[in-house]
Amino acid sequence: MSKKNVEELLIAGGADEKLRNKYDVLKTKEEFIAMAAADGFAFSQKDLDDVLRESGDAFDSFGNPPKRAIWWH
C-alpha cells in the first residue's frame, strides 16, 4: 500500500473522464479504496487521507451526478 498509488489514481482520473465518473459515484472511502484495489491501485485509508490532506483536497462530493474535486490534471 502506498501514497504513490493514490497519486497515480488521482492522476489517471484527472486524465480519464470515464474513470473519474466511475469513482465519483461511490459514497464512501471504503468503497473507493475497494474499487481502487480491484483496479490495481492498492492503498489504505490513511494513505488516501494523507495525500488529500497534503494536496488540500477533500473527499466530499457535490452536484448531480456526484463529482469530487480530488482529481489531478
Protein backbone atom coordinates (compact mmCIF):
# COMPACT_ATOMS: atom_id res chain seq x y z
CA MET A 1 0.00 0.00 0.00
CA SER A 2 1.30 3.40 -0.75
CA LYS A 3 0.64 7.06 -1.22
CA LYS A 4 2.24 6.69 -4.67
CA ASN A 5 -0.71 4.50 -5.72
CA VAL A 6 -3.17 7.16 -4.52
CA GLU A 7 -1.31 9.77 -6.56
CA GLU A 8 -1.30 7.53 -9.64
CA LEU A 9 -5.08 7.02 -9.35
CA LEU A 10 -5.72 10.76 -8.93
CA ILE A 11 -3.60 11.49 -12.00
CA ALA A 12 -5.31 8.73 -14.02
CA GLY A 13 -8.73 10.06 -13.02
CA GLY A 14 -7.71 13.58 -13.95
CA ALA A 15 -6.83 12.39 -17.44
CA ASP A 16 -9.75 9.97 -17.98
CA GLU A 17 -13.32 11.23 -17.53
CA LYS A 18 -14.75 7.70 -17.71
CA LEU A 19 -12.51 6.55 -14.82
CA ARG A 20 -13.29 9.70 -12.84
CA ASN A 21 -17.04 9.19 -13.27
CA LYS A 22 -16.74 5.56 -12.12
CA TYR A 23 -15.18 6.67 -8.82
CA ASP A 24 -17.23 9.84 -8.30
CA VAL A 25 -20.47 7.90 -7.76
CA LEU A 26 -19.06 5.92 -4.80
CA LYS A 27 -20.39 7.11 -1.47
CA THR A 28 -17.69 6.01 1.00
CA LYS A 29 -13.92 5.93 1.20
CA GLU A 30 -14.18 2.19 1.85
CA GLU A 31 -15.96 1.67 -1.50
CA PHE A 32 -13.45 3.97 -3.20
CA ILE A 33 -10.48 2.05 -1.77
CA ALA A 34 -12.01 -1.34 -2.64
CA MET A 35 -12.62 -0.31 -6.26
CA ALA A 36 -9.12 1.14 -6.48
CA ALA A 37 -7.67 -2.16 -5.25
CA ALA A 38 -9.69 -4.05 -7.86
CA ASP A 39 -8.26 -1.68 -10.49
CA GLY A 40 -4.67 -2.28 -9.31
CA PHE A 41 -4.22 0.78 -7.06
CA ALA A 42 -3.62 -0.69 -3.59
CA PHE A 43 -3.60 1.82 -0.72
CA SER A 44 -5.01 2.31 2.75
CA GLN A 45 -7.44 4.92 4.01
CA LYS A 46 -4.53 6.57 5.82
CA ASP A 47 -2.66 6.82 2.50
CA LEU A 48 -5.71 8.39 0.85
CA ASP A 49 -6.30 10.78 3.75
CA ASP A 50 -2.61 11.80 3.82
CA VAL A 51 -2.48 12.56 0.08
CA LEU A 52 -5.76 14.51 0.17
CA ARG A 53 -4.62 16.49 3.21
CA GLU A 54 -1.21 17.25 1.68
CA SER A 55 -2.81 18.44 -1.57
CA GLY A 56 -5.50 20.46 0.21
CA ASP A 57 -8.32 18.40 -1.31
CA ALA A 58 -11.43 16.98 0.38
CA PHE A 59 -13.21 13.70 -0.39
CA ASP A 60 -16.63 15.41 -0.28
CA SER A 61 -18.85 15.04 -3.33
CA PHE A 62 -21.15 17.66 -4.84
CA GLY A 63 -23.63 18.04 -7.66
CA ASN A 64 -25.87 15.69 -9.58
CA PRO A 65 -24.38 13.46 -10.86
CA PRO A 66 -21.94 13.45 -7.96
CA LYS A 67 -18.43 14.79 -8.54
CA ARG A 68 -15.30 15.10 -6.42
CA ALA A 69 -12.67 17.81 -6.66
CA ILE A 70 -9.79 15.43 -5.93
CA TRP A 71 -8.58 14.63 -9.44
CA TRP A 72 -5.22 15.90 -10.61
CA HIS A 73 -5.00 17.39 -14.10
